[in-house]
Protein backbone atom coordinates (compact mmCIF):
# COMPACT_ATOMS: atom_id res chain seq x y z
CA UNK A 1 75.30 -27.34 88.55
CA UNK A 2 72.37 -25.10 89.43
CA UNK A 3 68.73 -25.91 88.70
CA UNK A 4 65.86 -23.52 89.15
CA UNK A 5 62.99 -23.23 91.59
CA UNK A 6 59.71 -25.08 90.79
CA UNK A 7 58.06 -23.96 87.57
CA UNK A 8 54.29 -23.58 87.23
CA UNK A 9 52.65 -23.21 83.85
CA UNK A 10 49.14 -23.39 82.47
CA UNK A 11 48.14 -26.42 80.42
CA UNK A 12 48.85 -25.81 76.74
CA UNK A 13 51.51 -23.17 77.35
CA UNK A 14 55.31 -23.30 77.12
CA UNK A 15 57.51 -24.10 80.14
CA UNK A 16 61.25 -23.47 80.54
CA UNK A 17 63.00 -25.58 83.15
CA UNK A 18 66.17 -23.70 84.09
CA UNK A 19 69.48 -25.55 84.60
CA UNK A 20 73.02 -24.28 84.05
CA UNK A 21 76.67 -24.99 84.92
CA UNK A 22 78.27 -23.17 87.80
CA UNK A 23 80.85 -21.79 87.41
CA UNK A 24 79.78 -21.02 83.84
CA UNK A 25 81.56 -22.84 81.04
CA UNK A 26 80.66 -24.14 77.61
CA UNK A 27 78.53 -27.30 77.50
CA UNK A 28 79.00 -27.82 73.74
CA UNK A 29 81.51 -30.65 74.26
CA UNK A 30 79.56 -32.32 77.10
CA UNK A 31 76.77 -34.87 77.17
CA UNK A 32 73.44 -33.58 78.41
CA UNK A 33 70.30 -35.60 79.21
CA UNK A 34 66.87 -34.51 80.44
CA UNK A 35 64.48 -37.11 81.81
CA UNK A 36 61.31 -37.20 83.89
CA UNK A 37 61.31 -38.91 87.30
CA UNK A 38 63.19 -42.23 87.05
CA UNK A 39 62.97 -42.67 83.26
CA UNK A 40 66.72 -42.26 82.62
CA UNK A 41 66.64 -44.86 79.86
CA UNK A 42 63.89 -42.93 78.01
CA UNK A 43 65.06 -39.30 78.00
CA UNK A 44 62.94 -36.45 76.65
CA UNK A 45 65.98 -34.74 75.18
CA UNK A 46 69.67 -35.56 74.98
CA UNK A 47 72.80 -33.98 73.54
CA UNK A 48 75.75 -36.12 72.57
CA UNK A 49 78.58 -35.56 70.12
CA UNK A 50 77.23 -32.07 69.46
CA UNK A 51 73.97 -33.57 68.18
CA UNK A 52 70.48 -33.11 69.69
CA UNK A 53 68.28 -36.19 70.06
CA UNK A 54 64.60 -36.18 70.92
CA UNK A 55 62.64 -38.78 72.83
CA UNK A 56 59.99 -40.61 70.77
CA UNK A 57 57.10 -39.07 72.73
CA UNK A 58 58.45 -35.50 72.76
CA UNK A 59 59.43 -34.91 69.15
CA UNK A 60 58.68 -31.26 68.29
CA UNK A 61 57.84 -30.49 71.96
CA UNK A 62 61.20 -30.61 73.72
CA UNK A 63 64.23 -28.45 72.94
CA UNK A 64 67.05 -26.61 74.65
CA UNK A 65 65.90 -23.21 75.83
CA UNK A 66 67.26 -20.07 77.47
CA UNK A 67 66.81 -19.50 81.18
CA UNK A 68 66.62 -15.75 80.67
CA UNK A 69 66.86 -13.16 77.91
CA UNK A 70 70.63 -12.62 78.42
CA UNK A 71 71.59 -16.29 78.22
CA UNK A 72 73.95 -17.43 75.43
CA UNK A 73 72.72 -21.05 75.61
CA UNK A 74 75.05 -24.02 75.50
CA UNK A 75 78.06 -21.78 74.82
CA UNK A 76 77.62 -20.33 78.30
CA UNK A 77 76.68 -23.57 80.03
CA UNK A 78 72.89 -22.98 79.89
CA UNK A 79 71.31 -26.42 79.39
CA UNK A 80 67.72 -25.40 80.22
CA UNK A 81 64.85 -27.40 78.81
CA UNK A 82 61.99 -25.82 76.86
CA UNK A 83 58.77 -27.81 76.68
CA UNK A 84 55.96 -26.51 74.47
CA UNK A 85 52.22 -27.32 74.60
CA UNK A 86 52.47 -28.65 78.11
CA UNK A 87 49.97 -31.37 79.08
CA UNK A 88 48.79 -32.58 82.46
CA UNK A 89 50.93 -35.70 82.07
CA UNK A 90 54.05 -33.52 81.85
CA UNK A 91 53.82 -32.59 85.51
CA UNK A 92 56.54 -34.02 87.73
CA UNK A 93 60.20 -33.83 88.71
CA UNK A 94 62.71 -33.44 85.88
CA UNK A 95 66.39 -34.24 86.09
CA UNK A 96 69.11 -32.43 84.16
CA UNK A 97 72.14 -34.79 83.87
CA UNK A 98 75.47 -33.50 82.46
CA UNK A 99 78.49 -35.72 81.99
CA UNK A 100 81.94 -36.01 80.36
CA UNK A 101 85.03 -38.20 80.74
CA UNK A 102 85.89 -35.92 83.70
CA UNK A 103 82.73 -36.83 85.72
CA UNK A 104 79.07 -35.88 85.97
CA UNK A 105 76.65 -33.58 87.73
CA UNK A 106 72.85 -33.24 87.89
CA UNK A 107 70.04 -31.01 89.08
CA UNK A 108 66.29 -31.34 89.41
CA UNK A 109 63.37 -29.06 88.59
CA UNK A 110 59.71 -29.59 89.59
CA UNK A 111 57.15 -28.76 86.88
CA UNK A 112 53.62 -27.99 88.06
CA UNK A 113 50.90 -27.90 85.37
CA UNK A 114 47.90 -25.69 86.00
CA UNK A 115 44.76 -26.26 83.93
CA UNK A 116 42.29 -23.54 83.17
CA UNK A 117 39.68 -22.97 85.85
CA UNK A 118 37.39 -25.88 86.38
CA UNK A 119 33.60 -25.64 86.04
CA UNK A 120 31.62 -23.16 88.15
CA UNK A 121 30.43 -24.68 91.44
CA UNK A 122 27.03 -26.40 91.42
CA UNK A 123 25.08 -26.08 94.69
CA UNK A 124 22.47 -28.71 95.59
CA UNK A 125 20.17 -28.37 98.64
CA UNK A 126 18.37 -31.20 100.37
CA UNK A 127 15.79 -30.24 103.00
CA UNK A 128 15.56 -32.17 106.26
CA UNK A 129 12.46 -32.73 108.38
CA UNK A 130 13.84 -30.64 111.25
CA UNK A 131 14.08 -27.51 109.06
CA UNK A 132 17.78 -27.70 108.30
CA UNK A 133 19.26 -28.10 104.84
CA UNK A 134 22.21 -30.14 103.56
CA UNK A 135 23.89 -28.05 100.86
CA UNK A 136 26.53 -29.70 98.67
CA UNK A 137 29.02 -27.88 96.46
CA UNK A 138 30.80 -29.60 93.59
CA UNK A 139 32.93 -28.72 90.58
CA UNK A 140 35.01 -30.60 88.02
CA UNK A 141 37.82 -30.07 85.49
CA UNK A 142 40.63 -28.89 87.80
CA UNK A 143 44.35 -29.55 87.91
CA UNK A 144 46.01 -29.76 90.36
CA UNK A 145 43.63 -30.24 93.29
CA UNK A 146 41.68 -27.04 94.03
CA UNK A 147 40.86 -25.64 97.44
CA UNK A 148 37.26 -25.18 98.57
CA UNK A 149 35.87 -22.83 101.21
CA UNK A 150 32.41 -22.14 102.64
CA UNK A 151 31.24 -18.72 103.79
CA UNK A 152 28.15 -17.86 105.80
CA UNK A 153 27.37 -14.51 107.48
CA UNK A 154 30.91 -13.32 106.78
CA UNK A 155 32.53 -16.31 108.47
CA UNK A 156 34.87 -18.29 106.18
CA UNK A 157 35.43 -21.98 106.88
CA UNK A 158 37.55 -24.69 105.34
CA UNK A 159 35.54 -27.96 105.30
CA UNK A 160 36.69 -30.75 107.57
CA UNK A 161 35.76 -33.30 104.94
CA UNK A 162 36.72 -32.51 101.33
CA UNK A 163 36.55 -35.14 98.56
CA UNK A 164 38.76 -35.04 95.46
CA UNK A 165 38.40 -37.54 92.62
CA UNK A 166 40.85 -37.85 89.73
CA UNK A 167 39.28 -38.74 86.40
CA UNK A 168 40.94 -40.81 83.69
CA UNK A 169 41.76 -37.53 81.90
CA UNK A 170 43.88 -36.48 84.87
CA UNK A 171 41.51 -33.67 85.81
CA UNK A 172 40.19 -33.47 89.34
CA UNK A 173 36.64 -33.03 90.68
CA UNK A 174 35.93 -31.67 94.15
CA UNK A 175 32.94 -32.05 96.49
CA UNK A 176 31.92 -30.83 99.92
CA UNK A 177 28.70 -30.45 101.89
CA UNK A 178 27.53 -28.61 104.99
CA UNK A 179 24.45 -28.35 107.18
CA UNK A 180 22.76 -24.92 107.34
CA UNK A 181 19.44 -23.44 108.41
CA UNK A 182 16.62 -23.03 105.90
CA UNK A 183 16.97 -19.22 106.03
CA UNK A 184 20.71 -19.13 105.32
CA UNK A 185 22.62 -17.57 102.48
CA UNK A 186 25.74 -19.60 101.88
CA UNK A 187 28.72 -19.08 99.58
CA UNK A 188 31.02 -21.75 98.13
CA UNK A 189 34.38 -20.73 96.64
CA UNK A 190 36.69 -23.05 94.69
CA UNK A 191 40.04 -22.21 93.12
CA UNK A 192 43.76 -22.73 92.66
CA UNK A 193 44.86 -19.24 93.66
CA UNK A 194 43.14 -16.38 95.44
CA UNK A 195 43.04 -14.35 92.24
CA UNK A 196 41.72 -17.31 90.21
CA UNK A 197 38.58 -18.84 91.64
CA UNK A 198 34.88 -19.40 91.23
CA UNK A 199 32.30 -18.39 93.82
CA UNK A 200 28.63 -19.43 93.98
CA UNK A 201 25.93 -18.23 96.35
CA UNK A 202 22.65 -19.85 97.37
CA UNK A 203 19.91 -17.93 99.21
CA UNK A 204 17.75 -20.67 100.66
CA UNK A 205 14.87 -18.29 101.36
CA UNK A 206 14.58 -17.96 97.61
CA UNK A 207 13.89 -21.71 97.34
CA UNK A 208 10.75 -22.30 99.37
CA UNK A 209 10.34 -26.00 100.17
CA UNK A 210 6.76 -26.73 101.20
CA UNK A 211 4.25 -29.59 101.34
CA UNK A 212 2.73 -30.46 97.97
CA UNK A 213 -0.75 -30.26 99.45
CA UNK A 214 -0.51 -26.43 99.76
CA UNK A 215 -1.53 -26.12 96.11
CA UNK A 216 -5.30 -25.69 96.10
CA UNK A 217 -7.89 -24.26 93.80
CA UNK A 218 -9.84 -22.31 96.40
CA UNK A 219 -12.25 -19.36 96.13
CA UNK A 220 -11.11 -15.88 96.99
CA UNK A 221 -10.23 -12.51 95.53
CA UNK A 222 -7.33 -14.03 93.53
CA UNK A 223 -8.10 -17.67 92.77
CA UNK A 224 -5.71 -20.04 91.02
CA UNK A 225 -6.77 -20.24 87.38
CA UNK A 226 -6.10 -23.40 85.46
CA UNK A 227 -5.14 -22.17 81.97
CA UNK A 228 -5.14 -24.00 78.67
CA UNK A 229 -1.85 -22.79 77.24
CA UNK A 230 -1.57 -22.61 73.49
CA UNK A 231 1.84 -22.55 71.75
CA UNK A 232 3.14 -19.58 69.82
CA UNK A 233 5.14 -19.71 66.52
CA UNK A 234 4.14 -23.30 65.63
CA UNK A 235 5.89 -22.97 62.27
CA UNK A 236 9.32 -23.39 63.91
CA UNK A 237 11.20 -25.63 61.49
CA UNK A 238 13.10 -27.29 64.32
CA UNK A 239 9.95 -28.42 66.08
CA UNK A 240 6.93 -30.60 65.36
CA UNK A 241 3.70 -29.21 66.83
CA UNK A 242 0.11 -30.37 66.79
CA UNK A 243 -3.09 -28.64 67.88
CA UNK A 244 -1.02 -25.80 69.40
CA UNK A 245 -0.22 -27.89 72.47
CA UNK A 246 1.90 -30.92 71.50
CA UNK A 247 5.57 -30.36 70.72
CA UNK A 248 8.74 -32.35 70.15
CA UNK A 249 11.96 -31.73 68.26
CA UNK A 250 11.69 -31.89 64.50
CA UNK A 251 14.54 -34.36 63.78
CA UNK A 252 15.83 -31.90 61.20
CA UNK A 253 19.45 -32.79 60.18
CA UNK A 254 20.71 -29.25 60.62
CA UNK A 255 19.43 -28.78 64.18
CA UNK A 256 22.49 -27.34 66.00
CA UNK A 257 24.35 -29.56 68.42
CA UNK A 258 23.23 -28.86 71.98
CA UNK A 259 19.94 -27.48 70.67
CA UNK A 260 18.50 -27.81 74.18
CA UNK A 261 20.52 -24.75 75.14
CA UNK A 262 19.61 -22.63 72.13
CA UNK A 263 16.50 -20.99 70.76
CA UNK A 264 16.28 -23.61 68.01
CA UNK A 265 13.98 -25.88 70.02
CA UNK A 266 12.51 -23.31 72.43
CA UNK A 267 8.90 -22.14 72.17
CA UNK A 268 6.61 -20.07 74.39
CA UNK A 269 2.92 -19.72 74.98
CA UNK A 270 0.88 -17.44 72.73
CA UNK A 271 -0.56 -15.49 75.68
CA UNK A 272 1.17 -14.15 78.76
CA UNK A 273 0.34 -13.02 82.30
CA UNK A 274 0.96 -9.75 84.11
CA UNK A 275 -0.92 -10.46 87.34
CA UNK A 276 -2.79 -13.16 89.23
CA UNK A 277 -2.18 -16.83 89.98
CA UNK A 278 -2.14 -19.37 87.15
CA UNK A 279 -1.57 -23.10 86.87
CA UNK A 280 -1.02 -25.46 83.93
CA UNK A 281 0.25 -29.01 83.45
CA UNK A 282 2.55 -30.62 80.92
CA UNK A 283 2.62 -34.34 80.02
CA UNK A 284 6.21 -35.52 79.50
CA UNK A 285 5.60 -38.54 77.31
CA UNK A 286 3.43 -41.63 77.61
CA UNK A 287 3.59 -45.35 78.27
CA UNK A 288 3.71 -46.16 74.53
CA UNK A 289 6.87 -44.22 73.54
CA UNK A 290 8.32 -43.65 77.02
CA UNK A 291 8.92 -40.49 78.98
CA UNK A 292 11.17 -37.54 78.21
CA UNK A 293 14.63 -37.27 79.70
CA UNK A 294 15.55 -33.75 78.57
CA UNK A 295 13.38 -30.64 78.76
CA UNK A 296 13.00 -27.09 80.01
CA UNK A 297 9.68 -25.84 81.41
CA UNK A 298 8.97 -22.51 83.05
CA UNK A 299 8.24 -18.90 82.05
CA UNK A 300 9.98 -16.13 80.15
CA UNK A 301 9.57 -12.36 79.94
CA UNK A 302 11.01 -12.31 76.39
CA UNK A 303 8.36 -10.86 74.09
CA UNK A 304 10.03 -11.41 70.75
CA UNK A 305 11.50 -14.42 68.98
CA UNK A 306 13.51 -16.97 70.93
CA UNK A 307 15.74 -17.93 68.00
CA UNK A 308 18.63 -15.80 69.25
CA UNK A 309 18.72 -17.68 72.56
CA UNK A 310 22.12 -19.29 73.20
CA UNK A 311 23.97 -20.66 76.17
CA UNK A 312 22.17 -21.28 79.46
CA UNK A 313 19.55 -18.50 79.94
CA UNK A 314 19.20 -17.18 83.45
CA UNK A 315 16.80 -14.94 85.36
CA UNK A 316 18.88 -11.96 84.35
CA UNK A 317 18.00 -12.85 80.74
CA UNK A 318 14.29 -13.11 81.54
CA UNK A 319 13.98 -16.91 81.96
CA UNK A 320 12.91 -18.96 84.97
CA UNK A 321 12.57 -22.71 84.53
CA UNK A 322 13.02 -26.25 85.77
CA UNK A 323 15.16 -28.55 83.65
CA UNK A 324 15.83 -32.23 83.32
CA UNK A 325 18.67 -34.04 81.59
CA UNK A 326 20.17 -37.52 81.62
CA UNK A 327 23.31 -36.53 83.58
CA UNK A 328 22.21 -33.93 86.14
CA UNK A 329 18.63 -35.05 86.72
CA UNK A 330 16.40 -32.13 87.75
CA UNK A 331 17.90 -28.66 88.18
CA UNK A 332 16.94 -25.01 88.28
CA UNK A 333 18.53 -22.35 86.07
CA UNK A 334 19.30 -20.20 89.08
CA UNK A 335 22.66 -18.50 89.61
CA UNK A 336 24.35 -20.81 90.48
CA UNK A 337 22.56 -23.79 89.02
CA UNK A 338 20.77 -25.75 91.75
CA UNK A 339 20.49 -29.53 91.54
CA UNK A 340 17.32 -30.93 93.09
CA UNK A 341 17.32 -34.21 95.12
CA UNK A 342 14.34 -35.81 93.41
CA UNK A 343 13.98 -39.58 93.53
CA UNK A 344 12.21 -39.81 90.15
CA UNK A 345 11.51 -37.33 87.34
CA UNK A 346 7.86 -36.36 86.93
CA UNK A 347 5.69 -37.82 84.20
CA UNK A 348 3.32 -34.86 84.41
CA UNK A 349 4.69 -31.52 85.55
CA UNK A 350 2.48 -28.92 87.20
CA UNK A 351 3.57 -25.25 86.90
CA UNK A 352 2.10 -22.74 89.35
CA UNK A 353 2.80 -19.03 88.68
CA UNK A 354 1.97 -16.57 91.44
CA UNK A 355 2.85 -13.38 89.56
CA UNK A 356 1.95 -10.88 92.28
CA UNK A 357 4.04 -12.72 94.93
CA UNK A 358 6.90 -13.34 92.47
CA UNK A 359 6.94 -17.10 92.90
CA UNK A 360 7.16 -19.97 90.40
CA UNK A 361 6.45 -23.53 91.68
CA UNK A 362 6.84 -26.94 90.12
CA UNK A 363 4.97 -30.12 91.08
CA UNK A 364 5.06 -33.78 90.16
CA UNK A 365 1.34 -34.22 89.52
CA UNK A 366 1.16 -38.04 89.54
CA UNK A 367 2.44 -38.44 93.08
CA UNK A 368 1.29 -34.99 94.32
CA UNK A 369 4.86 -34.00 95.14
CA UNK A 370 6.18 -30.45 95.38
CA UNK A 371 9.54 -30.16 93.63
CA UNK A 372 10.67 -26.58 94.20
CA UNK A 373 9.55 -22.97 94.40
CA UNK A 374 11.70 -20.14 93.11
CA UNK A 375 11.34 -16.49 94.08
CA UNK A 376 11.41 -14.31 90.96
CA UNK A 377 11.44 -10.65 90.05
CA UNK A 378 8.90 -10.33 87.25
CA UNK A 379 8.64 -7.16 85.18
CA UNK A 380 5.99 -6.84 82.55
CA UNK A 381 4.27 -9.79 80.91
CA UNK A 382 5.61 -13.34 81.29
CA UNK A 383 4.81 -16.27 78.99
CA UNK A 384 4.84 -20.04 79.55
CA UNK A 385 8.14 -21.40 78.22
CA UNK A 386 8.95 -24.84 76.84
CA UNK A 387 11.91 -26.68 75.32
CA UNK A 388 11.42 -30.39 74.41
CA UNK A 389 15.15 -31.04 74.02
CA UNK A 390 16.68 -32.85 71.09
CA UNK A 391 16.38 -36.44 69.91
CA UNK A 392 13.73 -37.39 72.46
CA UNK A 393 11.03 -39.63 70.88
CA UNK A 394 8.50 -38.76 73.55
CA UNK A 395 6.34 -35.68 72.97
CA UNK A 396 5.73 -32.80 75.37
CA UNK A 397 1.96 -32.20 75.61
CA UNK A 398 0.24 -29.29 77.37
CA UNK A 399 -2.85 -30.48 79.21
CA UNK A 400 -6.13 -28.83 78.14
CA UNK A 401 -9.33 -29.07 80.14
CA UNK A 402 -12.71 -28.63 78.55
CA UNK A 403 -14.23 -26.89 81.56
CA UNK A 404 -11.82 -23.93 81.30
CA UNK A 405 -11.94 -23.48 77.52
CA UNK A 406 -14.79 -20.97 77.68
CA UNK A 407 -13.25 -18.87 80.46
CA UNK A 408 -9.65 -19.02 79.28
CA UNK A 409 -9.76 -15.95 77.02
CA UNK A 410 -11.45 -13.87 79.72
CA UNK A 411 -8.57 -14.17 82.17
CA UNK A 412 -5.40 -14.41 80.07
């Protein structure tokens, strides 16, 4: 008996495990049994007395197949197994067992199940006191275990320490980290094959980590202007707004699922900026109702309606923002997404826009902590951008100061 070489197939597709008699002869009067690993007593498919019998867990999924287009099936001794809608649990070594009153023979075939590509890598930097940065790269949703490689200045390296974790679903997550300088541009690639992989890049010079005390309101030719931002389009049916500066989701039954990543609950400031340095603050809840867990805050260059916004908007779409959610914590919508090692989420977020230098900074106001600065390429007017998430009882409130009310319209 001859069985084929290992078979690899994508999850959800059909696999044919080849097995045939050699020399060729009819198998119609023989007994045939296919089983996985050592489960001989619970076969997937069997053939006895010219009748096909299916295992209880593989009804409608297992059948005799043809090893190639010219095969004549059982008449020519082809006892190959066809398995449709392959799952991760189908992976393993299969045995083809053929017997008669003359004796028996068997062959084995290894089935490898390949899932679709896992999630794009997420890079997360953590700055050290000595000026170096620990950058981690992680991804999930793979099968089998993917490879991971780092690249810096054209030099490709396989990490010495690589962590794989298998979830209850059978899918695999992968994680690695490396130490680099604060001026590096690093690449992380993850995949199953060279032609099927994800690659993410992180230019650390584009994420300027500085001391929170550098933010100052000092005199000069281009002072920082604290602005009282007022919301635009306050008649959004998916949002509740008050006084043009307090916003939360509207608890409307038909708010789309995942509204945080759509235009349904996004809103921008009524006035934008095309030069200068500007600063505003946003309260993210209060002691009475608690503090928000999910939000987007930043700027956008989109001048029209945000209702067509879908998916995760990036800088290439005209959006630059800091986000928070219950699973990731704080992260930037950079390409790739950058997770931020912050011990606690801010209760009041300060946003500092330096339009002329192309920098957008975020601060935790309560503890005077700098969170991150992103280098941006602004073109035309940019507007403050907000998304209060969905289902969060806490409101998002833009701070207004009386002392800048009179001068606000002169500078915006």
